[in-house]
Protein backbone atom coordinates (compact mmCIF):
# COMPACT_ATOMS: atom_id res chain seq x y z
CA MET A 1 83.12 -54.39 139.72
CA ALA A 2 80.09 -52.10 139.94
CA SER A 3 82.07 -49.13 138.63
CA VAL A 4 83.14 -51.14 135.57
CA GLU A 5 79.52 -52.08 134.87
CA THR A 6 78.38 -48.48 135.37
CA HIS A 7 81.07 -47.24 133.00
CA ALA A 8 80.09 -49.88 130.44
CA LEU A 9 76.47 -48.75 130.60
CA ARG A 10 77.32 -45.05 130.23
CA ALA A 11 79.59 -45.43 127.19
CA PRO A 12 76.84 -46.33 124.70
CA VAL A 13 74.69 -43.43 125.95
CA ARG A 14 77.60 -41.03 125.46
CA MET A 15 78.10 -42.33 121.94
CA ARG A 16 74.39 -42.16 121.05
CA LEU A 17 73.86 -38.61 122.32
CA PRO A 18 75.81 -36.89 119.49
CA ALA A 19 74.00 -39.04 116.92
CA ALA A 20 70.63 -38.14 118.44
CA SER A 21 71.55 -34.45 118.45
CA GLU A 22 72.50 -34.62 114.76
CA LEU A 23 69.16 -36.23 114.01
CA ALA A 24 67.45 -33.47 116.01
CA ARG A 25 69.45 -30.89 114.04
CA TYR A 26 68.15 -32.24 110.74
CA PHE A 27 64.57 -32.60 111.99
CA GLY A 28 64.76 -29.05 113.36
CA ALA A 29 66.08 -27.79 110.03
CA VAL A 30 63.22 -29.40 108.15
CA SER A 31 60.73 -28.04 110.71
CA VAL A 32 61.93 -24.46 110.35
CA LEU A 33 61.92 -24.82 106.56
CA LEU A 34 58.28 -25.91 106.84
CA VAL A 35 57.54 -22.83 108.97
CA GLY A 36 59.01 -20.74 106.17
CA ALA A 37 57.06 -22.69 103.54
CA VAL A 38 53.76 -22.03 105.32
CA HIS A 39 54.61 -18.32 105.51
CA ALA A 40 55.54 -18.23 101.82
CA GLN A 41 52.29 -19.99 100.91
CA GLN A 42 50.28 -17.57 103.00
CA TYR A 43 52.19 -14.60 101.57
CA TYR A 44 51.57 -15.56 97.94
CA GLU A 45 48.40 -17.65 97.88
CA ALA A 46 46.44 -16.25 100.84
CA TYR A 47 47.40 -12.72 99.75
CA PHE A 48 49.05 -11.69 103.02
CA ARG A 49 51.44 -9.70 100.84
CA VAL A 50 48.82 -6.94 100.65
CA VAL A 51 48.48 -6.66 104.44
CA PRO A 52 50.73 -3.80 105.61
CA THR A 53 53.56 -4.83 107.95
CA ILE A 54 52.21 -8.38 108.38
CA GLY A 55 52.92 -9.18 104.73
CA THR A 56 56.50 -7.95 105.09
CA LEU A 57 56.92 -10.02 108.27
CA PHE A 58 55.63 -13.14 106.48
CA LEU A 59 58.17 -12.60 103.70
CA LEU A 60 60.99 -12.00 106.20
CA SER A 61 59.98 -15.13 108.12
CA PHE A 62 60.20 -17.15 104.92
CA VAL A 63 63.62 -15.73 103.99
CA GLY A 64 65.01 -16.12 107.53
CA ALA A 65 63.69 -19.67 107.85
CA ALA A 66 65.25 -20.57 104.50
CA ILE A 67 68.64 -19.17 105.52
CA VAL A 68 68.86 -20.85 108.93
CA GLY A 69 67.22 -24.08 107.72
CA LEU A 70 69.60 -24.52 104.81
CA THR A 71 72.57 -23.62 107.02
CA LEU A 72 71.52 -26.31 109.50
CA LEU A 73 71.42 -28.83 106.65
CA ALA A 74 74.77 -27.74 105.20
CA PRO A 75 78.02 -29.61 106.06
CA VAL A 76 79.46 -26.58 107.89
CA ARG A 77 81.62 -28.72 110.16
CA LEU A 78 83.92 -29.14 107.16
CA LEU A 79 85.05 -25.61 108.05
CA GLY A 80 86.40 -27.06 111.29
CA PRO A 81 84.62 -28.46 114.33
CA ARG A 82 84.83 -25.25 116.35
CA LEU A 83 83.68 -22.89 113.59
CA GLY A 84 81.13 -25.43 112.35
CA ASP A 85 79.60 -25.82 115.81
CA ALA A 86 79.50 -22.03 116.22
CA ILE A 87 77.68 -21.59 112.91
CA LEU A 88 75.25 -24.41 113.74
CA ALA A 89 74.58 -23.04 117.22
CA LEU A 90 73.88 -19.55 115.86
CA SER A 91 71.64 -21.00 113.15
CA ALA A 92 69.76 -23.11 115.70
CA LEU A 93 69.28 -20.04 117.91
CA GLY A 94 68.04 -18.09 114.88
CA ALA A 95 65.61 -20.86 113.96
CA ILE A 96 64.29 -21.05 117.53
CA GLY A 97 63.92 -17.26 117.51
CA ILE A 98 61.89 -17.43 114.31
CA ALA A 99 59.74 -20.29 115.65
CA VAL A 100 59.05 -18.70 119.04
CA GLY A 101 58.52 -15.27 117.48
CA THR A 102 56.03 -16.66 114.97
CA ALA A 103 54.13 -18.66 117.58
CA VAL A 104 53.91 -15.74 120.02
CA SER A 105 52.88 -13.32 117.26
CA LEU A 106 50.26 -15.74 116.01
CA LEU A 107 48.81 -16.28 119.47
CA ILE A 108 48.76 -12.53 120.16
CA SER A 109 46.97 -11.89 116.85
CA GLU A 110 44.29 -14.42 117.87
CA TYR A 111 43.21 -12.22 120.79
CA THR A 112 44.19 -8.67 119.88
CA PRO A 113 45.19 -6.83 116.69
CA LEU A 114 48.88 -7.07 115.85
CA PHE A 115 50.05 -4.27 113.54
CA GLY A 116 46.40 -3.72 112.69
CA PHE A 117 45.76 -7.37 111.79
CA MET A 118 43.77 -9.88 113.80
CA GLU A 119 43.69 -13.62 113.08
CA SER A 120 40.40 -15.45 113.52
CA GLY A 121 40.16 -19.16 114.06
CA TYR A 122 42.58 -22.01 113.82
CA ARG A 123 42.62 -22.76 110.11
CA LEU A 124 45.04 -25.34 108.72
CA ALA A 125 47.88 -22.85 108.10
CA VAL A 126 47.69 -21.66 111.72
CA VAL A 127 47.70 -25.21 113.12
CA LEU A 128 50.61 -26.25 110.88
CA THR A 129 52.61 -23.16 111.83
CA LEU A 130 52.13 -23.80 115.55
CA LEU A 131 53.03 -27.48 115.08
CA PHE A 132 56.19 -26.73 113.10
CA ASP A 133 57.15 -23.92 115.51
CA GLY A 134 56.92 -26.36 118.42
CA MET A 135 58.87 -29.05 116.59
CA THR A 136 61.59 -26.57 115.62
CA THR A 137 61.95 -25.36 119.20
CA ILE A 138 62.06 -28.85 120.72
CA PHE A 139 64.43 -30.42 118.18
CA LEU A 140 66.87 -27.52 118.02
CA GLY A 141 66.68 -26.92 121.77
CA PHE A 142 67.85 -30.51 122.27
CA PHE A 143 70.55 -30.00 119.63
CA LEU A 144 71.82 -26.92 121.49
CA LEU A 145 71.82 -28.76 124.83
CA VAL A 146 74.22 -31.30 123.36
CA VAL A 147 76.34 -29.07 121.12
CA GLY A 148 76.52 -26.05 123.44
CA PRO A 149 78.63 -27.62 126.20
CA ARG A 150 80.86 -29.32 123.62
CA PHE A 151 81.41 -25.98 121.86
CA LEU A 152 82.11 -24.16 125.12
CA ALA A 153 84.59 -26.86 126.18
CA ARG A 154 86.63 -26.24 123.01
CA ARG A 155 87.02 -22.51 123.73
């Protein structure tokens, strides 16, 4: 009798996990798009475009975040569950790479020059970037923990 009860308790959790991971996927996509939006704003309005190397990196961060964010929002599973999961997993890894790379670069530039540029203080753009970087990493990390084993099981 206990095994029947245990099985009955596990079934709803198993059914909710994919739904939670999809929600995390969408939240992660929005978070990485916000990372890109902050970089675009800083590039154009805070004139980071005139800072050598850093300006180019801000623009590339915006473009990369837009690509992976929009891919994570797209209905790519219509291409098939296996291919769709592969595309989503690669996009999630790319988004996490952008988020972690931005956060590490930002923290380095707070204490030492990075490509000749040094950040000073935690202004709103810096705080928002760190917040969205963390959210992207957490949401999409969870998404990968759920989708990864499912994808590998299909291979």
